[in-house]
Amino acid sequence: MSAYYEYVIKAQERSRQQSLDRMYALARRLEEIMDDLHERAEVMRRELAIKRGVEW
Protein backbone atom coordinates (compact mmCIF):
# COMPACT_ATOMS: atom_id res chain seq x y z
CA MET A 1 0.00 0.00 0.00
CA SER A 2 1.35 3.39 -0.85
CA ALA A 3 2.38 5.87 1.81
CA TYR A 4 -0.40 8.22 0.70
CA TYR A 5 -3.13 5.66 1.34
CA GLU A 6 -1.62 4.75 4.70
CA TYR A 7 -1.63 8.45 5.59
CA VAL A 8 -5.27 8.82 4.50
CA ILE A 9 -6.35 5.76 6.48
CA LYS A 10 -4.56 6.97 9.63
CA ALA A 11 -6.03 10.45 9.21
CA GLN A 12 -9.51 8.96 8.92
CA GLU A 13 -8.93 6.84 12.02
CA ARG A 14 -7.79 9.89 13.99
CA SER A 15 -10.78 11.88 12.77
CA ARG A 16 -13.16 9.08 13.73
CA GLN A 17 -11.61 8.80 17.19
CA GLN A 18 -11.83 12.56 17.70
CA SER A 19 -15.50 12.47 16.69
CA LEU A 20 -16.16 9.64 19.13
CA ASP A 21 -14.37 11.54 21.89
CA ARG A 22 -16.46 14.66 21.21
CA MET A 23 -19.69 12.65 21.17
CA TYR A 24 -18.75 11.01 24.46
CA ALA A 25 -17.99 14.39 26.05
CA LEU A 26 -21.29 15.80 24.78
CA ALA A 27 -23.19 12.78 26.07
CA ARG A 28 -21.62 13.23 29.52
CA ARG A 29 -22.53 16.93 29.51
CA LEU A 30 -26.09 16.14 28.44
CA GLU A 31 -26.33 13.64 31.28
CA GLU A 32 -25.25 16.35 33.74
CA ILE A 33 -27.81 18.79 32.33
CA MET A 34 -30.60 16.21 32.50
CA ASP A 35 -29.71 15.40 36.13
CA ASP A 36 -29.82 19.11 36.96
CA LEU A 37 -33.20 19.53 35.25
CA HIS A 38 -34.55 16.52 37.11
CA GLU A 39 -33.47 18.05 40.44
CA ARG A 40 -34.99 21.42 39.53
CA ALA A 41 -38.26 19.77 38.51
CA GLU A 42 -38.36 17.95 41.85
CA VAL A 43 -37.94 21.24 43.72
CA MET A 44 -40.63 22.90 41.60
CA ARG A 45 -43.08 20.03 42.23
CA ARG A 46 -42.37 20.21 45.96
CA GLU A 47 -42.90 23.99 46.04
CA LEU A 48 -46.12 23.69 44.06
CA ALA A 49 -47.40 21.01 46.41
CA ILE A 50 -46.62 23.23 49.41
CA LYS A 51 -48.49 26.15 47.82
CA ARG A 52 -51.48 23.91 47.21
CA GLY A 53 -51.32 22.57 50.76
CA VAL A 54 -50.67 19.04 49.63
CA GLU A 55 -48.59 16.73 51.80
CA TRP A 56 -45.31 15.93 50.04
PDB file of N, CA and C in Angstrom:
ATOM      1  N   MET A   1       0.858  -1.177   0.000  1.00  0.00           N
ATOM      2  CA  MET A   1       0.000   0.000   0.000  1.00  0.00           C
ATOM      3  C   MET A   1       0.902   1.237   0.000  1.00  0.00           C
ATOM      4  N   SER A   2       0.505   2.199  -0.745  1.00  0.00           N
ATOM      5  CA  SER A   2       1.349   3.392  -0.849  1.00  0.00           C
ATOM      6  C   SER A   2       1.289   4.216   0.437  1.00  0.00           C
ATOM      7  N   ALA A   3       2.296   5.017   0.615  1.00  0.00           N
ATOM      8  CA  ALA A   3       2.379   5.866   1.807  1.00  0.00           C
ATOM      9  C   ALA A   3       1.194   6.824   1.875  1.00  0.00           C
ATOM     10  N   TYR A   4       0.737   7.283   0.731  1.00  0.00           N
ATOM     11  CA  TYR A   4      -0.397   8.216   0.704  1.00  0.00           C
ATOM     12  C   TYR A   4      -1.643   7.557   1.285  1.00  0.00           C
ATOM     13  N   TYR A   5      -1.937   6.343   0.849  1.00  0.00           N
ATOM     14  CA  TYR A   5      -3.132   5.663   1.339  1.00  0.00           C
ATOM     15  C   TYR A   5      -3.022   5.338   2.824  1.00  0.00           C
ATOM     16  N   GLU A   6      -1.823   4.988   3.269  1.00  0.00           N
ATOM     17  CA  GLU A   6      -1.624   4.754   4.697  1.00  0.00           C
ATOM     18  C   GLU A   6      -1.882   6.035   5.482  1.00  0.00           C
ATOM     19  N   TYR A   7      -1.408   7.152   4.944  1.00  0.00           N
ATOM     20  CA  TYR A   7      -1.635   8.448   5.588  1.00  0.00           C
ATOM     21  C   TYR A   7      -3.129   8.751   5.652  1.00  0.00           C
ATOM     22  N   VAL A   8      -3.834   8.536   4.553  1.00  0.00           N
ATOM     23  CA  VAL A   8      -5.273   8.816   4.500  1.00  0.00           C
ATOM     24  C   VAL A   8      -6.019   7.948   5.507  1.00  0.00           C
ATOM     25  N   ILE A   9      -5.679   6.675   5.553  1.00  0.00           N
ATOM     26  CA  ILE A   9      -6.352   5.765   6.483  1.00  0.00           C
ATOM     27  C   ILE A   9      -6.104   6.188   7.927  1.00  0.00           C
ATOM     28  N   LYS A  10      -4.868   6.532   8.263  1.00  0.00           N
ATOM     29  CA  LYS A  10      -4.562   6.968   9.627  1.00  0.00           C
ATOM     30  C   LYS A  10      -5.265   8.280   9.961  1.00  0.00           C
ATOM     31  N   ALA A  11      -5.336   9.176   8.986  1.00  0.00           N
ATOM     32  CA  ALA A  11      -6.030  10.449   9.210  1.00  0.00           C
ATOM     33  C   ALA A  11      -7.514  10.202   9.460  1.00  0.00           C
ATOM     34  N   GLN A  12      -8.098   9.283   8.710  1.00  0.00           N
ATOM     35  CA  GLN A  12      -9.510   8.955   8.916  1.00  0.00           C
ATOM     36  C   GLN A  12      -9.732   8.321  10.282  1.00  0.00           C
ATOM     37  N   GLU A  13      -8.826   7.457  10.697  1.00  0.00           N
ATOM     38  CA  GLU A  13      -8.934   6.836  12.021  1.00  0.00           C
ATOM     39  C   GLU A  13      -8.846   7.878  13.127  1.00  0.00           C
ATOM     40  N   ARG A  14      -7.915   8.821  12.989  1.00  0.00           N
ATOM     41  CA  ARG A  14      -7.794   9.894  13.987  1.00  0.00           C
ATOM     42  C   ARG A  14      -9.059  10.739  14.021  1.00  0.00           C
ATOM     43  N   SER A  15      -9.570  11.064  12.846  1.00  0.00           N
ATOM     44  CA  SER A  15     -10.775  11.878  12.768  1.00  0.00           C
ATOM     45  C   SER A  15     -11.959  11.157  13.413  1.00  0.00           C
ATOM     46  N   ARG A  16     -12.074   9.867  13.140  1.00  0.00           N
ATOM     47  CA  ARG A  16     -13.160   9.082  13.729  1.00  0.00           C
ATOM     48  C   ARG A  16     -13.027   9.043  15.245  1.00  0.00           C
ATOM     49  N   GLN A  17     -11.822   8.845  15.743  1.00  0.00           N
ATOM     50  CA  GLN A  17     -11.613   8.798  17.189  1.00  0.00           C
ATOM     51  C   GLN A  17     -11.914  10.154  17.831  1.00  0.00           C
ATOM     52  N   GLN A  18     -11.524  11.230  17.173  1.00  0.00           N
ATOM     53  CA  GLN A  18     -11.827  12.565  17.697  1.00  0.00           C
ATOM     54  C   GLN A  18     -13.335  12.789  17.740  1.00  0.00           C
ATOM     55  N   SER A  19     -14.035  12.344  16.710  1.00  0.00           N
ATOM     56  CA  SER A  19     -15.495  12.474  16.690  1.00  0.00           C
ATOM     57  C   SER A  19     -16.127  11.675  17.818  1.00  0.00           C
ATOM     58  N   LEU A  20     -15.649  10.461  18.036  1.00  0.00           N
ATOM     59  CA  LEU A  20     -16.165   9.642  19.133  1.00  0.00           C
ATOM     60  C   LEU A  20     -15.893  10.295  20.482  1.00  0.00           C
ATOM     61  N   ASP A  21     -14.712  10.855  20.642  1.00  0.00           N
ATOM     62  CA  ASP A  21     -14.371  11.540  21.892  1.00  0.00           C
ATOM     63  C   ASP A  21     -15.289  12.735  22.130  1.00  0.00           C
ATOM     64  N   ARG A  22     -15.556  13.505  21.075  1.00  0.00           N
ATOM     65  CA  ARG A  22     -16.459  14.658  21.208  1.00  0.00           C
ATOM     66  C   ARG A  22     -17.876  14.207  21.547  1.00  0.00           C
ATOM     67  N   MET A  23     -18.339  13.150  20.883  1.00  0.00           N
ATOM     68  CA  MET A  23     -19.689  12.647  21.168  1.00  0.00           C
ATOM     69  C   MET A  23     -19.790  12.157  22.608  1.00  0.00           C
ATOM     70  N   TYR A  24     -18.756  11.489  23.086  1.00  0.00           N
ATOM     71  CA  TYR A  24     -18.754  11.011  24.465  1.00  0.00           C
ATOM     72  C   TYR A  24     -18.807  12.187  25.440  1.00  0.00           C
ATOM     73  N   ALA A  25     -17.997  13.206  25.183  1.00  0.00           N
ATOM     74  CA  ALA A  25     -17.990  14.387  26.054  1.00  0.00           C
ATOM     75  C   ALA A  25     -19.349  15.079  26.041  1.00  0.00           C
ATOM     76  N   LEU A  26     -19.964  15.180  24.873  1.00  0.00           N
ATOM     77  CA  LEU A  26     -21.286  15.796  24.781  1.00  0.00           C
ATOM     78  C   LEU A  26     -22.340  14.963  25.498  1.00  0.00           C
ATOM     79  N   ALA A  27     -22.245  13.658  25.387  1.00  0.00           N
ATOM     80  CA  ALA A  27     -23.193  12.779  26.074  1.00  0.00           C
ATOM     81  C   ALA A  27     -23.061  12.932  27.586  1.00  0.00           C
ATOM     82  N   ARG A  28     -21.831  13.027  28.079  1.00  0.00           N
ATOM     83  CA  ARG A  28     -21.620  13.227  29.515  1.00  0.00           C
ATOM     84  C   ARG A  28     -22.201  14.563  29.967  1.00  0.00           C
ATOM     85  N   ARG A  29     -21.991  15.600  29.168  1.00  0.00           N
ATOM     86  CA  ARG A  29     -22.528  16.930  29.512  1.00  0.00           C
ATOM     87  C   ARG A  29     -24.053  16.912  29.493  1.00  0.00           C
ATOM     88  N   LEU A  30     -24.632  16.244  28.507  1.00  0.00           N
ATOM     89  CA  LEU A  30     -26.089  16.136  28.440  1.00  0.00           C
ATOM     90  C   LEU A  30     -26.627  15.403  29.662  1.00  0.00           C
ATOM     91  N   GLU A  31     -25.925  14.377  30.085  1.00  0.00           N
ATOM     92  CA  GLU A  31     -26.332  13.644  31.277  1.00  0.00           C
ATOM     93  C   GLU A  31     -26.326  14.564  32.500  1.00  0.00           C
ATOM     94  N   GLU A  32     -25.314  15.401  32.629  1.00  0.00           N
ATOM     95  CA  GLU A  32     -25.250  16.355  33.742  1.00  0.00           C
ATOM     96  C   GLU A  32     -26.416  17.336  33.684  1.00  0.00           C
ATOM     97  N   ILE A  33     -26.708  17.835  32.494  1.00  0.00           N
ATOM     98  CA  ILE A  33     -27.809  18.788  32.325  1.00  0.00           C
ATOM     99  C   ILE A  33     -29.140  18.136  32.676  1.00  0.00           C
ATOM    100  N   MET A  34     -29.343  16.907  32.208  1.00  0.00           N
ATOM    101  CA  MET A  34     -30.597  16.210  32.498  1.00  0.00           C
ATOM    102  C   MET A  34     -30.745  15.950  33.998  1.00  0.00           C
ATOM    103  N   ASP A  35     -29.663  15.594  34.671  1.00  0.00           N
ATOM    104  CA  ASP A  35     -29.713  15.401  36.125  1.00  0.00           C
ATOM    105  C   ASP A  35     -30.092  16.701  36.827  1.00  0.00           C
ATOM    106  N   ASP A  36     -29.513  17.810  36.382  1.00  0.00           N
ATOM    107  CA  ASP A  36     -29.823  19.112  36.964  1.00  0.00           C
ATOM    108  C   ASP A  36     -31.294  19.469  36.744  1.00  0.00           C
ATOM    109  N   LEU A  37     -31.792  19.240  35.532  1.00  0.00           N
ATOM    110  CA  LEU A  37     -33.198  19.528  35.245  1.00  0.00           C
ATOM    111  C   LEU A  37     -34.123  18.664  36.096  1.00  0.00           C
ATOM    112  N   HIS A  38     -33.744  17.416  36.281  1.00  0.00           N
ATOM    113  CA  HIS A  38     -34.549  16.524  37.115  1.00  0.00           C
ATOM    114  C   HIS A  38     -34.620  17.054  38.550  1.00  0.00           C
ATOM    115  N   GLU A  39     -33.495  17.492  39.082  1.00  0.00           N
ATOM    116  CA  GLU A  39     -33.467  18.046  40.438  1.00  0.00           C
ATOM    117  C   GLU A  39     -34.306  19.314  40.525  1.00  0.00           C
ATOM    118  N   ARG A  40     -34.202  20.176  39.527  1.00  0.00           N
ATOM    119  CA  ARG A  40     -34.992  21.416  39.533  1.00  0.00           C
ATOM    120  C   ARG A  40     -36.482  21.116  39.454  1.00  0.00           C
ATOM    121  N   ALA A  41     -36.850  20.144  38.636  1.00  0.00           N
ATOM    122  CA  ALA A  41     -38.264  19.774  38.515  1.00  0.00           C
ATOM    123  C   ALA A  41     -38.787  19.239  39.843  1.00  0.00           C
ATOM    124  N   GLU A  42     -37.971  18.478  40.537  1.00  0.00           N
ATOM    125  CA  GLU A  42     -38.365  17.947  41.847  1.00  0.00           C
ATOM    126  C   GLU A  42     -38.627  19.089  42.827  1.00  0.00           C
ATOM    127  N   VAL A  43     -37.757  20.081  42.841  1.00  0.00           N
ATOM    128  CA  VAL A  43     -37.940  21.242  43.718  1.00  0.00           C
ATOM    129  C   VAL A  43     -39.214  21.993  43.335  1.00  0.00           C
ATOM    130  N   MET A  44     -39.438  22.180  42.051  1.00  0.00           N
ATOM    131  CA  MET A  44     -40.635  22.901  41.600  1.00  0.00           C
ATOM    132  C   MET A  44     -41.906  22.148  41.985  1.00  0.00           C
ATOM    133  N   ARG A  45     -41.904  20.821  41.838  1.00  0.00           N
ATOM    134  CA  ARG A  45     -43.079  20.034  42.231  1.00  0.00           C
ATOM    135  C   ARG A  45     -43.325  20.145  43.732  1.00  0.00           C
ATOM    136  N   ARG A  46     -42.249  20.101  44.503  1.00  0.00           N
ATOM    137  CA  ARG A  46     -42.374  20.211  45.958  1.00  0.00           C
ATOM    138  C   ARG A  46     -42.937  21.576  46.349  1.00  0.00           C
ATOM    139  N   GLU A  47     -42.410  22.645  45.743  1.00  0.00           N
ATOM    140  CA  GLU A  47     -42.897  23.995  46.044  1.00  0.00           C
ATOM    141  C   GLU A  47     -44.356  24.157  45.643  1.00  0.00           C
ATOM    142  N   LEU A  48     -44.726  23.605  44.512  1.00  0.00           N
ATOM    143  CA  LEU A  48     -46.116  23.690  44.061  1.00  0.00           C
ATOM    144  C   LEU A  48     -47.033  22.933  45.015  1.00  0.00           C
ATOM    145  N   ALA A  49     -46.595  21.783  45.470  1.00  0.00           N
ATOM    146  CA  ALA A  49     -47.398  21.007  46.414  1.00  0.00           C
ATOM    147  C   ALA A  49     -47.578  21.771  47.718  1.00  0.00           C
ATOM    148  N   ILE A  50     -46.523  22.437  48.180  1.00  0.00           N
ATOM    149  CA  ILE A  50     -46.618  23.225  49.412  1.00  0.00           C
ATOM    150  C   ILE A  50     -47.610  24.366  49.226  1.00  0.00           C
ATOM    151  N   LYS A  51     -47.555  25.047  48.083  1.00  0.00           N
ATOM    152  CA  LYS A  51     -48.487  26.152  47.816  1.00  0.00           C
ATOM    153  C   LYS A  51     -49.925  25.662  47.791  1.00  0.00           C
ATOM    154  N   ARG A  52     -50.125  24.465  47.299  1.00  0.00           N
ATOM    155  CA  ARG A  52     -51.480  23.909  47.215  1.00  0.00           C
ATOM    156  C   ARG A  52     -51.910  23.266  48.526  1.00  0.00           C
ATOM    157  N   GLY A  53     -51.000  23.171  49.472  1.00  0.00           N
ATOM    158  CA  GLY A  53     -51.323  22.573  50.759  1.00  0.00           C
ATOM    159  C   GLY A  53     -51.374  21.060  50.715  1.00  0.00           C
ATOM    160  N   VAL A  54     -50.673  20.489  49.768  1.00  0.00           N
ATOM    161  CA  VAL A  54     -50.665  19.035  49.628  1.00  0.00           C
ATOM    162  C   VAL A  54     -49.466  18.483  50.385  1.00  0.00           C
ATOM    163  N   GLU A  55     -49.691  17.383  51.091  1.00  0.00           N
ATOM    164  CA  GLU A  55     -48.589  16.730  51.802  1.00  0.00           C
ATOM    165  C   GLU A  55     -47.608  16.169  50.791  1.00  0.00           C
ATOM    166  N   TRP A  56     -46.323  16.416  50.991  1.00  0.00           N
ATOM    167  CA  TRP A  56     -45.305  15.926  50.043  1.00  0.00           C
ATOM    168  C   TRP A  56     -44.607  14.746  50.599  1.00  0.00           C
TER     169      TRP A  56
END
